[in-house]
Amino acid sequence: MDEDMLEDQRRLVELIEEEGWDVTDLEISAYDSPWADEDDPEATVTITARKPYESEDEDDGDDDNPYRLK
């Protein structure tokens, strides 16, 4: 795998984490494009991230959902 691809992947993760997201899964795929005539490889990066948001409703005790952790 090309070191430039890995560096770009690291930079994308840094940008996402700077915005307060937690990266939970990461995948990079390098391949030669079947549609392009060039011999330059391409890459696809898939990033899964999570970010908790505070609820706008502040009444914690009035939730009757039995599946919600308290």
N, C-alpha and C. Protein backbone atom coordinates (compact mmCIF):
# COMPACT_ATOMS: atom_id res chain seq x y z
N MET A 1 0.86 -1.18 0.00
CA MET A 1 0.00 0.00 0.00
C MET A 1 0.89 1.23 0.00
N ASP A 2 0.51 2.22 -0.71
CA ASP A 2 1.27 3.45 -0.86
C ASP A 2 1.29 4.25 0.46
N GLU A 3 2.46 4.72 0.84
CA GLU A 3 2.59 5.49 2.09
C GLU A 3 1.78 6.79 2.03
N ASP A 4 1.62 7.37 0.83
CA ASP A 4 0.80 8.58 0.68
C ASP A 4 -0.66 8.30 1.04
N MET A 5 -1.16 7.14 0.68
CA MET A 5 -2.53 6.77 1.01
C MET A 5 -2.71 6.67 2.52
N LEU A 6 -1.76 6.04 3.18
CA LEU A 6 -1.84 5.89 4.63
C LEU A 6 -1.74 7.25 5.33
N GLU A 7 -0.92 8.13 4.81
CA GLU A 7 -0.80 9.47 5.39
C GLU A 7 -2.10 10.25 5.21
N ASP A 8 -2.73 10.12 4.05
CA ASP A 8 -4.02 10.78 3.83
C ASP A 8 -5.08 10.23 4.78
N GLN A 9 -5.06 8.92 5.01
CA GLN A 9 -6.00 8.31 5.94
C GLN A 9 -5.78 8.86 7.35
N ARG A 10 -4.54 8.95 7.77
CA ARG A 10 -4.25 9.50 9.10
C ARG A 10 -4.74 10.94 9.22
N ARG A 11 -4.57 11.72 8.17
CA ARG A 11 -5.01 13.13 8.19
C ARG A 11 -6.54 13.22 8.28
N LEU A 12 -7.24 12.36 7.57
CA LEU A 12 -8.70 12.35 7.66
C LEU A 12 -9.16 12.02 9.08
N VAL A 13 -8.50 11.05 9.71
CA VAL A 13 -8.84 10.70 11.09
C VAL A 13 -8.57 11.88 12.02
N GLU A 14 -7.45 12.55 11.84
CA GLU A 14 -7.13 13.73 12.66
C GLU A 14 -8.20 14.81 12.53
N LEU A 15 -8.63 15.08 11.30
CA LEU A 15 -9.66 16.10 11.08
C LEU A 15 -10.97 15.74 11.77
N ILE A 16 -11.35 14.48 11.69
CA ILE A 16 -12.59 14.04 12.32
C ILE A 16 -12.48 14.14 13.84
N GLU A 17 -11.34 13.71 14.38
CA GLU A 17 -11.15 13.77 15.84
C GLU A 17 -11.07 15.20 16.34
N GLU A 18 -10.53 16.11 15.54
CA GLU A 18 -10.49 17.52 15.92
C GLU A 18 -11.88 18.11 16.09
N GLU A 19 -12.87 17.53 15.40
CA GLU A 19 -14.25 17.99 15.49
C GLU A 19 -15.01 17.31 16.62
N GLY A 20 -14.33 16.52 17.44
CA GLY A 20 -14.96 15.91 18.60
C GLY A 20 -15.53 14.53 18.38
N TRP A 21 -15.24 13.91 17.26
CA TRP A 21 -15.75 12.58 16.97
C TRP A 21 -14.74 11.54 17.45
N ASP A 22 -15.25 10.36 17.86
CA ASP A 22 -14.42 9.22 18.22
C ASP A 22 -14.48 8.22 17.07
N VAL A 23 -13.34 7.95 16.45
CA VAL A 23 -13.28 6.99 15.36
C VAL A 23 -13.39 5.59 15.96
N THR A 24 -14.37 4.82 15.50
CA THR A 24 -14.59 3.48 16.03
C THR A 24 -14.21 2.38 15.05
N ASP A 25 -14.11 2.70 13.77
CA ASP A 25 -13.73 1.71 12.77
C ASP A 25 -13.11 2.43 11.59
N LEU A 26 -12.15 1.78 10.96
CA LEU A 26 -11.42 2.42 9.87
C LEU A 26 -11.02 1.35 8.86
N GLU A 27 -11.23 1.65 7.59
CA GLU A 27 -10.87 0.72 6.54
C GLU A 27 -10.37 1.50 5.34
N ILE A 28 -9.28 1.02 4.75
CA ILE A 28 -8.78 1.63 3.51
C ILE A 28 -8.63 0.51 2.48
N SER A 29 -9.06 0.80 1.27
CA SER A 29 -8.93 -0.15 0.16
C SER A 29 -8.19 0.55 -0.96
N ALA A 30 -7.11 -0.08 -1.41
CA ALA A 30 -6.34 0.46 -2.53
C ALA A 30 -6.54 -0.45 -3.74
N TYR A 31 -6.69 0.16 -4.89
CA TYR A 31 -6.97 -0.63 -6.09
C TYR A 31 -6.61 0.18 -7.33
N ASP A 32 -6.51 -0.52 -8.44
CA ASP A 32 -6.36 0.12 -9.74
C ASP A 32 -7.75 0.27 -10.33
N SER A 33 -8.07 1.46 -10.77
CA SER A 33 -9.40 1.74 -11.28
C SER A 33 -9.66 0.99 -12.59
N PRO A 34 -10.76 0.26 -12.68
CA PRO A 34 -11.07 -0.42 -13.93
C PRO A 34 -11.63 0.53 -15.00
N TRP A 35 -11.98 1.76 -14.60
CA TRP A 35 -12.58 2.70 -15.53
C TRP A 35 -11.58 3.70 -16.10
N ALA A 36 -10.44 3.85 -15.46
CA ALA A 36 -9.45 4.83 -15.91
C ALA A 36 -8.33 4.11 -16.66
N ASP A 37 -7.78 4.80 -17.64
CA ASP A 37 -6.70 4.23 -18.44
C ASP A 37 -5.34 4.39 -17.75
N GLU A 38 -5.27 5.26 -16.74
CA GLU A 38 -3.99 5.48 -16.07
C GLU A 38 -3.64 4.28 -15.20
N ASP A 39 -2.36 4.18 -14.88
CA ASP A 39 -1.90 3.11 -14.00
C ASP A 39 -1.81 3.56 -12.55
N ASP A 40 -2.31 4.76 -12.25
CA ASP A 40 -2.25 5.27 -10.89
C ASP A 40 -3.29 4.57 -10.02
N PRO A 41 -2.88 4.10 -8.86
CA PRO A 41 -3.84 3.45 -7.97
C PRO A 41 -4.79 4.46 -7.33
N GLU A 42 -5.93 3.97 -6.87
CA GLU A 42 -6.90 4.79 -6.16
C GLU A 42 -7.13 4.17 -4.80
N ALA A 43 -7.75 4.94 -3.92
CA ALA A 43 -8.05 4.41 -2.59
C ALA A 43 -9.43 4.87 -2.16
N THR A 44 -10.06 4.03 -1.38
CA THR A 44 -11.33 4.35 -0.74
C THR A 44 -11.12 4.22 0.76
N VAL A 45 -11.51 5.25 1.51
CA VAL A 45 -11.40 5.23 2.95
C VAL A 45 -12.81 5.23 3.54
N THR A 46 -13.07 4.27 4.42
CA THR A 46 -14.34 4.21 5.12
C THR A 46 -14.05 4.44 6.60
N ILE A 47 -14.68 5.47 7.16
CA ILE A 47 -14.47 5.82 8.56
C ILE A 47 -15.82 5.78 9.27
N THR A 48 -15.85 5.06 10.37
CA THR A 48 -17.03 5.05 11.22
C THR A 48 -16.65 5.78 12.50
N ALA A 49 -17.48 6.75 12.88
CA ALA A 49 -17.17 7.54 14.06
C ALA A 49 -18.46 7.81 14.83
N ARG A 50 -18.29 8.08 16.12
CA ARG A 50 -19.45 8.38 16.95
C ARG A 50 -19.18 9.68 17.70
N LYS A 51 -20.28 10.36 18.00
CA LYS A 51 -20.19 11.60 18.75
C LYS A 51 -21.47 11.73 19.57
N PRO A 52 -21.36 11.68 20.89
CA PRO A 52 -22.56 11.84 21.70
C PRO A 52 -23.01 13.30 21.74
N TYR A 53 -24.30 13.50 21.73
CA TYR A 53 -24.88 14.83 21.82
C TYR A 53 -25.73 14.89 23.08
N GLU A 54 -25.68 16.01 23.76
CA GLU A 54 -26.52 16.17 24.93
C GLU A 54 -27.95 16.40 24.48
N SER A 55 -28.86 15.82 25.22
CA SER A 55 -30.27 15.95 24.92
C SER A 55 -30.74 17.36 25.26
N GLU A 56 -31.65 17.87 24.45
CA GLU A 56 -32.20 19.19 24.73
C GLU A 56 -33.23 19.12 25.85
N ASP A 57 -33.84 17.94 26.04
CA ASP A 57 -34.78 17.74 27.15
C ASP A 57 -33.97 17.40 28.39
N GLU A 58 -34.14 18.17 29.43
CA GLU A 58 -33.36 17.98 30.64
C GLU A 58 -34.10 17.24 31.74
N ASP A 59 -35.34 16.75 31.50
CA ASP A 59 -36.05 16.03 32.54
C ASP A 59 -35.71 14.55 32.44
N ASP A 60 -34.70 14.13 33.22
CA ASP A 60 -34.18 12.77 33.15
C ASP A 60 -35.12 11.75 33.79
N GLY A 61 -35.89 12.11 34.78
CA GLY A 61 -36.69 11.16 35.53
C GLY A 61 -38.03 10.84 34.92
N ASP A 62 -38.48 11.53 33.90
CA ASP A 62 -39.83 11.34 33.37
C ASP A 62 -39.88 10.39 32.18
N ASP A 63 -38.78 9.72 31.88
CA ASP A 63 -38.74 8.83 30.73
C ASP A 63 -39.26 7.45 31.12
N ASP A 64 -40.33 6.98 30.48
CA ASP A 64 -40.92 5.70 30.81
C ASP A 64 -40.38 4.56 29.92
N ASN A 65 -39.38 4.83 29.12
CA ASN A 65 -38.83 3.83 28.23
C ASN A 65 -38.07 2.79 29.07
N PRO A 66 -38.52 1.53 29.08
CA PRO A 66 -37.84 0.52 29.92
C PRO A 66 -36.48 0.11 29.39
N TYR A 67 -36.16 0.47 28.15
CA TYR A 67 -34.90 0.07 27.55
C TYR A 67 -33.81 1.14 27.67
N ARG A 68 -34.16 2.30 28.17
CA ARG A 68 -33.20 3.38 28.30
C ARG A 68 -32.41 3.21 29.61
N LEU A 69 -31.08 3.29 29.50
CA LEU A 69 -30.25 3.22 30.70
C LEU A 69 -30.33 4.53 31.46
N LYS A 70 -30.42 4.43 32.73
CA LYS A 70 -30.50 5.63 33.57
C LYS A 70 -29.28 5.73 34.45
